[in-house]
Each structure stands twice: as C-alpha cells, then as structure tokens.
mmCIF file of all heavy atoms, coordinates in Angstrom:
data_MODEL
# 
_entry.id   MODEL 
# 
loop_
_atom_site.group_PDB 
_atom_site.id 
_atom_site.type_symbol 
_atom_site.label_atom_id 
_atom_site.label_alt_id 
_atom_site.label_comp_id 
_atom_site.label_asym_id 
_atom_site.label_entity_id 
_atom_site.label_seq_id 
_atom_site.pdbx_PDB_ins_code 
_atom_site.Cartn_x 
_atom_site.Cartn_y 
_atom_site.Cartn_z 
_atom_site.occupancy 
_atom_site.B_iso_or_equiv 
_atom_site.pdbx_formal_charge 
_atom_site.auth_seq_id 
_atom_site.auth_comp_id 
_atom_site.auth_asym_id 
_atom_site.auth_atom_id 
_atom_site.pdbx_PDB_model_num 
ATOM 1   N N   . LEU A 1 1  ? 102.661 103.218 90.011  1.00 0.00 ? 1  LEU A N   1 
ATOM 2   C CA  . LEU A 1 1  ? 101.957 102.599 91.139  1.00 0.00 ? 1  LEU A CA  1 
ATOM 3   C C   . LEU A 1 1  ? 101.517 101.173 90.842  1.00 0.00 ? 1  LEU A C   1 
ATOM 4   O O   . LEU A 1 1  ? 101.451 100.342 91.753  1.00 0.00 ? 1  LEU A O   1 
ATOM 5   C CB  . LEU A 1 1  ? 100.731 103.438 91.508  1.00 0.00 ? 1  LEU A CB  1 
ATOM 6   C CG  . LEU A 1 1  ? 100.907 104.423 92.658  1.00 0.00 ? 1  LEU A CG  1 
ATOM 7   C CD1 . LEU A 1 1  ? 99.627  105.208 92.874  1.00 0.00 ? 1  LEU A CD1 1 
ATOM 8   C CD2 . LEU A 1 1  ? 101.318 103.701 93.927  1.00 0.00 ? 1  LEU A CD2 1 
ATOM 9   N N   . ASP A 1 2  ? 101.218 100.870 89.600  1.00 0.00 ? 2  ASP A N   1 
ATOM 10  C CA  . ASP A 1 2  ? 100.834 99.501  89.253  1.00 0.00 ? 2  ASP A CA  1 
ATOM 11  C C   . ASP A 1 2  ? 101.982 98.531  89.522  1.00 0.00 ? 2  ASP A C   1 
ATOM 12  O O   . ASP A 1 2  ? 101.772 97.429  90.029  1.00 0.00 ? 2  ASP A O   1 
ATOM 13  C CB  . ASP A 1 2  ? 100.422 99.416  87.775  1.00 0.00 ? 2  ASP A CB  1 
ATOM 14  C CG  . ASP A 1 2  ? 99.085  100.077 87.502  1.00 0.00 ? 2  ASP A CG  1 
ATOM 15  O OD1 . ASP A 1 2  ? 98.144  99.855  88.278  1.00 0.00 ? 2  ASP A OD1 1 
ATOM 16  O OD2 . ASP A 1 2  ? 98.988  100.822 86.505  1.00 0.00 ? 2  ASP A OD2 1 
ATOM 17  N N   . PHE A 1 3  ? 103.187 98.956  89.206  1.00 0.00 ? 3  PHE A N   1 
ATOM 18  C CA  . PHE A 1 3  ? 104.357 98.107  89.459  1.00 0.00 ? 3  PHE A CA  1 
ATOM 19  C C   . PHE A 1 3  ? 104.627 97.987  90.956  1.00 0.00 ? 3  PHE A C   1 
ATOM 20  O O   . PHE A 1 3  ? 104.967 96.904  91.453  1.00 0.00 ? 3  PHE A O   1 
ATOM 21  C CB  . PHE A 1 3  ? 105.581 98.669  88.724  1.00 0.00 ? 3  PHE A CB  1 
ATOM 22  C CG  . PHE A 1 3  ? 105.473 98.594  87.225  1.00 0.00 ? 3  PHE A CG  1 
ATOM 23  C CD1 . PHE A 1 3  ? 104.980 99.658  86.499  1.00 0.00 ? 3  PHE A CD1 1 
ATOM 24  C CD2 . PHE A 1 3  ? 105.847 97.438  86.553  1.00 0.00 ? 3  PHE A CD2 1 
ATOM 25  C CE1 . PHE A 1 3  ? 104.861 99.590  85.123  1.00 0.00 ? 3  PHE A CE1 1 
ATOM 26  C CE2 . PHE A 1 3  ? 105.744 97.355  85.175  1.00 0.00 ? 3  PHE A CE2 1 
ATOM 27  C CZ  . PHE A 1 3  ? 105.247 98.438  84.450  1.00 0.00 ? 3  PHE A CZ  1 
ATOM 28  N N   . SER A 1 4  ? 104.469 99.090  91.693  1.00 0.00 ? 4  SER A N   1 
ATOM 29  C CA  . SER A 1 4  ? 104.671 99.039  93.146  1.00 0.00 ? 4  SER A CA  1 
ATOM 30  C C   . SER A 1 4  ? 103.646 98.125  93.809  1.00 0.00 ? 4  SER A C   1 
ATOM 31  O O   . SER A 1 4  ? 103.986 97.344  94.707  1.00 0.00 ? 4  SER A O   1 
ATOM 32  C CB  . SER A 1 4  ? 104.573 100.451 93.737  1.00 0.00 ? 4  SER A CB  1 
ATOM 33  O OG  . SER A 1 4  ? 105.640 101.260 93.295  1.00 0.00 ? 4  SER A OG  1 
ATOM 34  N N   . ALA A 1 5  ? 102.401 98.210  93.373  1.00 0.00 ? 5  ALA A N   1 
ATOM 35  C CA  . ALA A 1 5  ? 101.365 97.340  93.942  1.00 0.00 ? 5  ALA A CA  1 
ATOM 36  C C   . ALA A 1 5  ? 101.665 95.877  93.652  1.00 0.00 ? 5  ALA A C   1 
ATOM 37  O O   . ALA A 1 5  ? 101.525 95.009  94.520  1.00 0.00 ? 5  ALA A O   1 
ATOM 38  C CB  . ALA A 1 5  ? 99.995  97.729  93.390  1.00 0.00 ? 5  ALA A CB  1 
ATOM 39  N N   . TYR A 1 6  ? 102.095 95.572  92.421  1.00 0.00 ? 6  TYR A N   1 
ATOM 40  C CA  . TYR A 1 6  ? 102.459 94.203  92.047  1.00 0.00 ? 6  TYR A CA  1 
ATOM 41  C C   . TYR A 1 6  ? 103.564 93.689  92.966  1.00 0.00 ? 6  TYR A C   1 
ATOM 42  O O   . TYR A 1 6  ? 103.478 92.583  93.520  1.00 0.00 ? 6  TYR A O   1 
ATOM 43  C CB  . TYR A 1 6  ? 102.908 94.192  90.583  1.00 0.00 ? 6  TYR A CB  1 
ATOM 44  C CG  . TYR A 1 6  ? 103.245 92.822  90.030  1.00 0.00 ? 6  TYR A CG  1 
ATOM 45  C CD1 . TYR A 1 6  ? 102.346 92.138  89.221  1.00 0.00 ? 6  TYR A CD1 1 
ATOM 46  C CD2 . TYR A 1 6  ? 104.480 92.221  90.303  1.00 0.00 ? 6  TYR A CD2 1 
ATOM 47  C CE1 . TYR A 1 6  ? 102.655 90.887  88.692  1.00 0.00 ? 6  TYR A CE1 1 
ATOM 48  C CE2 . TYR A 1 6  ? 104.797 90.973  89.794  1.00 0.00 ? 6  TYR A CE2 1 
ATOM 49  C CZ  . TYR A 1 6  ? 103.886 90.308  88.991  1.00 0.00 ? 6  TYR A CZ  1 
ATOM 50  O OH  . TYR A 1 6  ? 104.201 89.072  88.483  1.00 0.00 ? 6  TYR A OH  1 
ATOM 51  N N   . ASP A 1 7  ? 104.616 94.500  93.136  1.00 0.00 ? 7  ASP A N   1 
ATOM 52  C CA  . ASP A 1 7  ? 105.741 94.073  93.968  1.00 0.00 ? 7  ASP A CA  1 
ATOM 53  C C   . ASP A 1 7  ? 105.326 93.927  95.432  1.00 0.00 ? 7  ASP A C   1 
ATOM 54  O O   . ASP A 1 7  ? 105.810 93.026  96.136  1.00 0.00 ? 7  ASP A O   1 
ATOM 55  C CB  . ASP A 1 7  ? 106.887 95.081  93.853  1.00 0.00 ? 7  ASP A CB  1 
ATOM 56  C CG  . ASP A 1 7  ? 107.565 95.035  92.489  1.00 0.00 ? 7  ASP A CG  1 
ATOM 57  O OD1 . ASP A 1 7  ? 107.439 94.008  91.798  1.00 0.00 ? 7  ASP A OD1 1 
ATOM 58  O OD2 . ASP A 1 7  ? 108.212 96.032  92.110  1.00 0.00 ? 7  ASP A OD2 1 
ATOM 59  N N   . ALA A 1 8  ? 104.446 94.805  95.896  1.00 0.00 ? 8  ALA A N   1 
ATOM 60  C CA  . ALA A 1 8  ? 103.988 94.727  97.282  1.00 0.00 ? 8  ALA A CA  1 
ATOM 61  C C   . ALA A 1 8  ? 103.176 93.456  97.527  1.00 0.00 ? 8  ALA A C   1 
ATOM 62  O O   . ALA A 1 8  ? 103.351 92.781  98.551  1.00 0.00 ? 8  ALA A O   1 
ATOM 63  C CB  . ALA A 1 8  ? 103.150 95.963  97.626  1.00 0.00 ? 8  ALA A CB  1 
ATOM 64  N N   . ILE A 1 9  ? 102.311 93.121  96.600  1.00 0.00 ? 9  ILE A N   1 
ATOM 65  C CA  . ILE A 1 9  ? 101.504 91.905  96.737  1.00 0.00 ? 9  ILE A CA  1 
ATOM 66  C C   . ILE A 1 9  ? 102.405 90.674  96.740  1.00 0.00 ? 9  ILE A C   1 
ATOM 67  O O   . ILE A 1 9  ? 102.247 89.764  97.565  1.00 0.00 ? 9  ILE A O   1 
ATOM 68  C CB  . ILE A 1 9  ? 100.449 91.834  95.606  1.00 0.00 ? 9  ILE A CB  1 
ATOM 69  C CG1 . ILE A 1 9  ? 99.412  92.951  95.780  1.00 0.00 ? 9  ILE A CG1 1 
ATOM 70  C CG2 . ILE A 1 9  ? 99.765  90.469  95.594  1.00 0.00 ? 9  ILE A CG2 1 
ATOM 71  C CD1 . ILE A 1 9  ? 98.520  93.160  94.571  1.00 0.00 ? 9  ILE A CD1 1 
ATOM 72  N N   . LYS A 1 10 ? 103.376 90.632  95.834  1.00 0.00 ? 10 LYS A N   1 
ATOM 73  C CA  . LYS A 1 10 ? 104.307 89.510  95.781  1.00 0.00 ? 10 LYS A CA  1 
ATOM 74  C C   . LYS A 1 10 ? 105.111 89.386  97.073  1.00 0.00 ? 10 LYS A C   1 
ATOM 75  O O   . LYS A 1 10 ? 105.472 88.287  97.499  1.00 0.00 ? 10 LYS A O   1 
ATOM 76  C CB  . LYS A 1 10 ? 105.252 89.660  94.593  1.00 0.00 ? 10 LYS A CB  1 
ATOM 77  C CG  . LYS A 1 10 ? 104.601 89.462  93.231  1.00 0.00 ? 10 LYS A CG  1 
ATOM 78  C CD  . LYS A 1 10 ? 104.226 87.999  93.013  1.00 0.00 ? 10 LYS A CD  1 
ATOM 79  C CE  . LYS A 1 10 ? 103.747 87.765  91.582  1.00 0.00 ? 10 LYS A CE  1 
ATOM 80  N NZ  . LYS A 1 10 ? 103.325 86.354  91.376  1.00 0.00 ? 10 LYS A NZ  1 
ATOM 81  N N   . ALA A 1 11 ? 105.405 90.537  97.703  1.00 0.00 ? 11 ALA A N   1 
ATOM 82  C CA  . ALA A 1 11 ? 106.197 90.537  98.934  1.00 0.00 ? 11 ALA A CA  1 
ATOM 83  C C   . ALA A 1 11 ? 105.372 90.156  100.157 1.00 0.00 ? 11 ALA A C   1 
ATOM 84  O O   . ALA A 1 11 ? 105.934 89.927  101.230 1.00 0.00 ? 11 ALA A O   1 
ATOM 85  C CB  . ALA A 1 11 ? 106.831 91.906  99.146  1.00 0.00 ? 11 ALA A CB  1 
ATOM 86  N N   . GLY A 1 12 ? 104.037 90.102  100.007 1.00 0.00 ? 12 GLY A N   1 
ATOM 87  C CA  . GLY A 1 12 ? 103.194 89.651  101.103 1.00 0.00 ? 12 GLY A CA  1 
ATOM 88  C C   . GLY A 1 12 ? 102.408 90.721  101.826 1.00 0.00 ? 12 GLY A C   1 
ATOM 89  O O   . GLY A 1 12 ? 101.805 90.459  102.881 1.00 0.00 ? 12 GLY A O   1 
ATOM 90  N N   . PHE A 1 13 ? 102.368 91.938  101.289 1.00 0.00 ? 13 PHE A N   1 
ATOM 91  C CA  . PHE A 1 13 ? 101.522 92.965  101.900 1.00 0.00 ? 13 PHE A CA  1 
ATOM 92  C C   . PHE A 1 13 ? 100.059 92.562  101.743 1.00 0.00 ? 13 PHE A C   1 
ATOM 93  O O   . PHE A 1 13 ? 99.674  91.949  100.744 1.00 0.00 ? 13 PHE A O   1 
ATOM 94  C CB  . PHE A 1 13 ? 101.769 94.327  101.250 1.00 0.00 ? 13 PHE A CB  1 
ATOM 95  C CG  . PHE A 1 13 ? 103.040 94.990  101.707 1.00 0.00 ? 13 PHE A CG  1 
ATOM 96  C CD1 . PHE A 1 13 ? 104.252 94.721  101.076 1.00 0.00 ? 13 PHE A CD1 1 
ATOM 97  C CD2 . PHE A 1 13 ? 103.034 95.870  102.781 1.00 0.00 ? 13 PHE A CD2 1 
ATOM 98  C CE1 . PHE A 1 13 ? 105.425 95.314  101.494 1.00 0.00 ? 13 PHE A CE1 1 
ATOM 99  C CE2 . PHE A 1 13 ? 104.202 96.476  103.211 1.00 0.00 ? 13 PHE A CE2 1 
ATOM 100 C CZ  . PHE A 1 13 ? 105.403 96.195  102.578 1.00 0.00 ? 13 PHE A CZ  1 
ATOM 101 N N   . THR A 1 14 ? 99.255  92.910  102.744 1.00 0.00 ? 14 THR A N   1 
ATOM 102 C CA  . THR A 1 14 ? 97.855  92.479  102.753 1.00 0.00 ? 14 THR A CA  1 
ATOM 103 C C   . THR A 1 14 ? 96.863  93.624  102.535 1.00 0.00 ? 14 THR A C   1 
ATOM 104 O O   . THR A 1 14 ? 95.670  93.386  102.368 1.00 0.00 ? 14 THR A O   1 
ATOM 105 C CB  . THR A 1 14 ? 97.530  91.782  104.082 1.00 0.00 ? 14 THR A CB  1 
ATOM 106 O OG1 . THR A 1 14 ? 97.920  92.622  105.178 1.00 0.00 ? 14 THR A OG1 1 
ATOM 107 C CG2 . THR A 1 14 ? 98.280  90.458  104.192 1.00 0.00 ? 14 THR A CG2 1 
ATOM 108 N N   . LYS A 1 15 ? 97.364  94.867  102.535 1.00 0.00 ? 15 LYS A N   1 
ATOM 109 C CA  . LYS A 1 15 ? 96.483  96.023  102.331 1.00 0.00 ? 15 LYS A CA  1 
ATOM 110 C C   . LYS A 1 15 ? 97.318  97.180  101.797 1.00 0.00 ? 15 LYS A C   1 
ATOM 111 O O   . LYS A 1 15 ? 98.492  97.313  102.130 1.00 0.00 ? 15 LYS A O   1 
ATOM 112 C CB  . LYS A 1 15 ? 95.800  96.430  103.646 1.00 0.00 ? 15 LYS A CB  1 
ATOM 113 C CG  . LYS A 1 15 ? 94.840  97.619  103.523 1.00 0.00 ? 15 LYS A CG  1 
ATOM 114 C CD  . LYS A 1 15 ? 94.028  97.824  104.809 1.00 0.00 ? 15 LYS A CD  1 
ATOM 115 C CE  . LYS A 1 15 ? 94.843  98.425  105.930 1.00 0.00 ? 15 LYS A CE  1 
ATOM 116 N NZ  . LYS A 1 15 ? 94.023  98.728  107.128 1.00 0.00 ? 15 LYS A NZ  1 
ATOM 117 N N   . ILE A 1 16 ? 96.699  98.008  100.954 1.00 0.00 ? 16 ILE A N   1 
ATOM 118 C CA  . ILE A 1 16 ? 97.319  99.246  100.493 1.00 0.00 ? 16 ILE A CA  1 
ATOM 119 C C   . ILE A 1 16 ? 96.421  100.407 100.868 1.00 0.00 ? 16 ILE A C   1 
ATOM 120 O O   . ILE A 1 16 ? 95.209  100.372 100.627 1.00 0.00 ? 16 ILE A O   1 
ATOM 121 C CB  . ILE A 1 16 ? 97.564  99.236  98.969  1.00 0.00 ? 16 ILE A CB  1 
ATOM 122 C CG1 . ILE A 1 16 ? 98.538  98.115  98.580  1.00 0.00 ? 16 ILE A CG1 1 
ATOM 123 C CG2 . ILE A 1 16 ? 98.108  100.584 98.499  1.00 0.00 ? 16 ILE A CG2 1 
ATOM 124 C CD1 . ILE A 1 16 ? 98.795  98.006  97.087  1.00 0.00 ? 16 ILE A CD1 1 
ATOM 125 N N   . VAL A 1 17 ? 97.000  101.437 101.467 1.00 0.00 ? 17 VAL A N   1 
ATOM 126 C CA  . VAL A 1 17 ? 96.279  102.668 101.792 1.00 0.00 ? 17 VAL A CA  1 
ATOM 127 C C   . VAL A 1 17 ? 96.878  103.786 100.945 1.00 0.00 ? 17 VAL A C   1 
ATOM 128 O O   . VAL A 1 17 ? 98.072  104.074 101.037 1.00 0.00 ? 17 VAL A O   1 
ATOM 129 C CB  . VAL A 1 17 ? 96.384  103.016 103.290 1.00 0.00 ? 17 VAL A CB  1 
ATOM 130 C CG1 . VAL A 1 17 ? 95.710  104.362 103.561 1.00 0.00 ? 17 VAL A CG1 1 
ATOM 131 C CG2 . VAL A 1 17 ? 95.740  101.930 104.133 1.00 0.00 ? 17 VAL A CG2 1 
ATOM 132 N N   . PHE A 1 18 ? 96.046  104.397 100.118 1.00 0.00 ? 18 PHE A N   1 
ATOM 133 C CA  . PHE A 1 18 ? 96.484  105.521 99.299  1.00 0.00 ? 18 PHE A CA  1 
ATOM 134 C C   . PHE A 1 18 ? 96.143  106.818 100.010 1.00 0.00 ? 18 PHE A C   1 
ATOM 135 O O   . PHE A 1 18 ? 94.983  107.047 100.380 1.00 0.00 ? 18 PHE A O   1 
ATOM 136 C CB  . PHE A 1 18 ? 95.792  105.494 97.934  1.00 0.00 ? 18 PHE A CB  1 
ATOM 137 C CG  . PHE A 1 18 ? 96.190  104.339 97.063  1.00 0.00 ? 18 PHE A CG  1 
ATOM 138 C CD1 . PHE A 1 18 ? 95.271  103.363 96.712  1.00 0.00 ? 18 PHE A CD1 1 
ATOM 139 C CD2 . PHE A 1 18 ? 97.495  104.224 96.594  1.00 0.00 ? 18 PHE A CD2 1 
ATOM 140 C CE1 . PHE A 1 18 ? 95.638  102.303 95.898  1.00 0.00 ? 18 PHE A CE1 1 
ATOM 141 C CE2 . PHE A 1 18 ? 97.865  103.158 95.779  1.00 0.00 ? 18 PHE A CE2 1 
ATOM 142 C CZ  . PHE A 1 18 ? 96.946  102.200 95.432  1.00 0.00 ? 18 PHE A CZ  1 
ATOM 143 N N   . VAL A 1 19 ? 97.140  107.670 100.194 1.00 0.00 ? 19 VAL A N   1 
ATOM 144 C CA  . VAL A 1 19 ? 96.913  109.004 100.760 1.00 0.00 ? 19 VAL A CA  1 
ATOM 145 C C   . VAL A 1 19 ? 96.788  109.970 99.594  1.00 0.00 ? 19 VAL A C   1 
ATOM 146 O O   . VAL A 1 19 ? 97.751  110.191 98.847  1.00 0.00 ? 19 VAL A O   1 
ATOM 147 C CB  . VAL A 1 19 ? 98.067  109.434 101.683 1.00 0.00 ? 19 VAL A CB  1 
ATOM 148 C CG1 . VAL A 1 19 ? 97.781  110.818 102.274 1.00 0.00 ? 19 VAL A CG1 1 
ATOM 149 C CG2 . VAL A 1 19 ? 98.269  108.422 102.805 1.00 0.00 ? 19 VAL A CG2 1 
ATOM 150 N N   . ILE A 1 20 ? 95.593  110.531 99.416  1.00 0.00 ? 20 ILE A N   1 
ATOM 151 C CA  . ILE A 1 20 ? 95.330  111.413 98.276  1.00 0.00 ? 20 ILE A CA  1 
ATOM 152 C C   . ILE A 1 20 ? 94.581  112.659 98.755  1.00 0.00 ? 20 ILE A C   1 
ATOM 153 O O   . ILE A 1 20 ? 94.284  112.803 99.940  1.00 0.00 ? 20 ILE A O   1 
ATOM 154 C CB  . ILE A 1 20 ? 94.510  110.690 97.187  1.00 0.00 ? 20 ILE A CB  1 
ATOM 155 C CG1 . ILE A 1 20 ? 93.138  110.255 97.731  1.00 0.00 ? 20 ILE A CG1 1 
ATOM 156 C CG2 . ILE A 1 20 ? 95.272  109.485 96.635  1.00 0.00 ? 20 ILE A CG2 1 
ATOM 157 C CD1 . ILE A 1 20 ? 92.220  109.666 96.661  1.00 0.00 ? 20 ILE A CD1 1 
ATOM 158 N N   . LYS A 1 21 ? 94.291  113.549 97.810  1.00 0.00 ? 21 LYS A N   1 
ATOM 159 C CA  . LYS A 1 21 ? 93.432  114.700 98.070  1.00 0.00 ? 21 LYS A CA  1 
ATOM 160 C C   . LYS A 1 21 ? 92.033  114.384 97.552  1.00 0.00 ? 21 LYS A C   1 
ATOM 161 O O   . LYS A 1 21 ? 91.876  113.662 96.562  1.00 0.00 ? 21 LYS A O   1 
ATOM 162 C CB  . LYS A 1 21 ? 93.957  115.940 97.345  1.00 0.00 ? 21 LYS A CB  1 
ATOM 163 C CG  . LYS A 1 21 ? 95.323  116.419 97.802  1.00 0.00 ? 21 LYS A CG  1 
ATOM 164 C CD  . LYS A 1 21 ? 95.746  117.610 96.938  1.00 0.00 ? 21 LYS A CD  1 
ATOM 165 C CE  . LYS A 1 21 ? 97.131  118.087 97.285  1.00 0.00 ? 21 LYS A CE  1 
ATOM 166 N NZ  . LYS A 1 21 ? 97.575  119.182 96.388  1.00 0.00 ? 21 LYS A NZ  1 
ATOM 167 N N   . HIS A 1 22 ? 91.031  114.976 98.179  1.00 0.00 ? 22 HIS A N   1 
ATOM 168 C CA  . HIS A 1 22 ? 89.660  114.724 97.739  1.00 0.00 ? 22 HIS A CA  1 
ATOM 169 C C   . HIS A 1 22 ? 89.461  115.111 96.275  1.00 0.00 ? 22 HIS A C   1 
ATOM 170 O O   . HIS A 1 22 ? 88.712  114.451 95.542  1.00 0.00 ? 22 HIS A O   1 
ATOM 171 C CB  . HIS A 1 22 ? 88.669  115.483 98.622  1.00 0.00 ? 22 HIS A CB  1 
ATOM 172 C CG  . HIS A 1 22 ? 88.367  114.792 99.911  1.00 0.00 ? 22 HIS A CG  1 
ATOM 173 N ND1 . HIS A 1 22 ? 87.680  113.597 99.975  1.00 0.00 ? 22 HIS A ND1 1 
ATOM 174 C CD2 . HIS A 1 22 ? 88.674  115.124 101.191 1.00 0.00 ? 22 HIS A CD2 1 
ATOM 175 C CE1 . HIS A 1 22 ? 87.564  113.217 101.238 1.00 0.00 ? 22 HIS A CE1 1 
ATOM 176 N NE2 . HIS A 1 22 ? 88.157  114.124 101.998 1.00 0.00 ? 22 HIS A NE2 1 
ATOM 177 N N   . GLU A 1 23 ? 90.136  116.187 95.828  1.00 0.00 ? 23 GLU A N   1 
ATOM 178 C CA  . GLU A 1 23 ? 89.860  116.671 94.477  1.00 0.00 ? 23 GLU A CA  1 
ATOM 179 C C   . GLU A 1 23 ? 90.374  115.742 93.384  1.00 0.00 ? 23 GLU A C   1 
ATOM 180 O O   . GLU A 1 23 ? 89.955  115.863 92.231  1.00 0.00 ? 23 GLU A O   1 
ATOM 181 C CB  . GLU A 1 23 ? 90.419  118.093 94.268  1.00 0.00 ? 23 GLU A CB  1 
ATOM 182 C CG  . GLU A 1 23 ? 91.895  118.253 94.528  1.00 0.00 ? 23 GLU A CG  1 
ATOM 183 C CD  . GLU A 1 23 ? 92.177  118.853 95.896  1.00 0.00 ? 23 GLU A CD  1 
ATOM 184 O OE1 . GLU A 1 23 ? 91.487  118.474 96.874  1.00 0.00 ? 23 GLU A OE1 1 
ATOM 185 O OE2 . GLU A 1 23 ? 93.098  119.690 95.994  1.00 0.00 ? 23 GLU A OE2 1 
ATOM 186 N N   . ILE A 1 24 ? 91.271  114.816 93.705  1.00 0.00 ? 24 ILE A N   1 
ATOM 187 C CA  . ILE A 1 24 ? 91.735  113.870 92.676  1.00 0.00 ? 24 ILE A CA  1 
ATOM 188 C C   . ILE A 1 24 ? 91.123  112.486 92.874  1.00 0.00 ? 24 ILE A C   1 
ATOM 189 O O   . ILE A 1 24 ? 91.451  111.556 92.140  1.00 0.00 ? 24 ILE A O   1 
ATOM 190 C CB  . ILE A 1 24 ? 93.271  113.770 92.643  1.00 0.00 ? 24 ILE A CB  1 
ATOM 191 C CG1 . ILE A 1 24 ? 93.812  113.067 93.901  1.00 0.00 ? 24 ILE A CG1 1 
ATOM 192 C CG2 . ILE A 1 24 ? 93.912  115.128 92.437  1.00 0.00 ? 24 ILE A CG2 1 
ATOM 193 C CD1 . ILE A 1 24 ? 95.285  112.678 93.805  1.00 0.00 ? 24 ILE A CD1 1 
ATOM 194 N N   . GLU A 1 25 ? 90.213  112.341 93.827  1.00 0.00 ? 25 GLU A N   1 
ATOM 195 C CA  . GLU A 1 25 ? 89.715  111.017 94.205  1.00 0.00 ? 25 GLU A CA  1 
ATOM 196 C C   . GLU A 1 25 ? 89.117  110.254 93.018  1.00 0.00 ? 25 GLU A C   1 
ATOM 197 O O   . GLU A 1 25 ? 89.457  109.096 92.781  1.00 0.00 ? 25 GLU A O   1 
ATOM 198 C CB  . GLU A 1 25 ? 88.685  111.140 95.325  1.00 0.00 ? 25 GLU A CB  1 
ATOM 199 C CG  . GLU A 1 25 ? 88.135  109.800 95.792  1.00 0.00 ? 25 GLU A CG  1 
ATOM 200 C CD  . GLU A 1 25 ? 87.146  109.937 96.942  1.00 0.00 ? 25 GLU A CD  1 
ATOM 201 O OE1 . GLU A 1 25 ? 86.850  111.078 97.347  1.00 0.00 ? 25 GLU A OE1 1 
ATOM 202 O OE2 . GLU A 1 25 ? 86.662  108.904 97.420  1.00 0.00 ? 25 GLU A OE2 1 
ATOM 203 N N   . ALA A 1 26 ? 88.218  110.899 92.277  1.00 0.00 ? 26 ALA A N   1 
ATOM 204 C CA  . ALA A 1 26 ? 87.530  110.194 91.186  1.00 0.00 ? 26 ALA A CA  1 
ATOM 205 C C   . ALA A 1 26 ? 88.514  109.734 90.113  1.00 0.00 ? 26 ALA A C   1 
ATOM 206 O O   . ALA A 1 26 ? 88.490  108.572 89.682  1.00 0.00 ? 26 ALA A O   1 
ATOM 207 C CB  . ALA A 1 26 ? 86.455  111.092 90.577  1.00 0.00 ? 26 ALA A CB  1 
ATOM 208 N N   . ASP A 1 27 ? 89.401  110.631 89.688  1.00 0.00 ? 27 ASP A N   1 
ATOM 209 C CA  . ASP A 1 27 ? 90.380  110.275 88.661  1.00 0.00 ? 27 ASP A CA  1 
ATOM 210 C C   . ASP A 1 27 ? 91.338  109.207 89.172  1.00 0.00 ? 27 ASP A C   1 
ATOM 211 O O   . ASP A 1 27 ? 91.676  108.261 88.447  1.00 0.00 ? 27 ASP A O   1 
ATOM 212 C CB  . ASP A 1 27 ? 91.180  111.516 88.240  1.00 0.00 ? 27 ASP A CB  1 
ATOM 213 C CG  . ASP A 1 27 ? 90.381  112.452 87.351  1.00 0.00 ? 27 ASP A CG  1 
ATOM 214 O OD1 . ASP A 1 27 ? 89.356  112.006 86.795  1.00 0.00 ? 27 ASP A OD1 1 
ATOM 215 O OD2 . ASP A 1 27 ? 90.774  113.621 87.215  1.00 0.00 ? 27 ASP A OD2 1 
ATOM 216 N N   . PHE A 1 28 ? 91.781  109.349 90.411  1.00 0.00 ? 28 PHE A N   1 
ATOM 217 C CA  . PHE A 1 28 ? 92.738  108.400 90.967  1.00 0.00 ? 28 PHE A CA  1 
ATOM 218 C C   . PHE A 1 28 ? 92.150  106.989 91.015  1.00 0.00 ? 28 PHE A C   1 
ATOM 219 O O   . PHE A 1 28 ? 92.791  106.019 90.629  1.00 0.00 ? 28 PHE A O   1 
ATOM 220 C CB  . PHE A 1 28 ? 93.171  108.843 92.360  1.00 0.00 ? 28 PHE A CB  1 
ATOM 221 C CG  . PHE A 1 28 ? 94.301  108.035 92.929  1.00 0.00 ? 28 PHE A CG  1 
ATOM 222 C CD1 . PHE A 1 28 ? 95.611  108.435 92.735  1.00 0.00 ? 28 PHE A CD1 1 
ATOM 223 C CD2 . PHE A 1 28 ? 94.057  106.870 93.633  1.00 0.00 ? 28 PHE A CD2 1 
ATOM 224 C CE1 . PHE A 1 28 ? 96.663  107.682 93.241  1.00 0.00 ? 28 PHE A CE1 1 
ATOM 225 C CE2 . PHE A 1 28 ? 95.087  106.110 94.140  1.00 0.00 ? 28 PHE A CE2 1 
ATOM 226 C CZ  . PHE A 1 28 ? 96.403  106.512 93.944  1.00 0.00 ? 28 PHE A CZ  1 
# 
C-alpha cells in the first residue's frame, strides 16, 4: 500500500479512502 499511495500521489490523486473492518482499524 505504501507503493500504491506513492504512485497515486504522483499521478495526481487528491484523497485516499481505505475500506477496512473496525476490528483492524487500530493496527491498520
């Protein structure tokens, strides 16, 4: 995900929304 976020920022994306479960929220 770190590489995907880097590539997304370079491509001009302005926001990232992560779809997760509540039980992994803190670790994620």
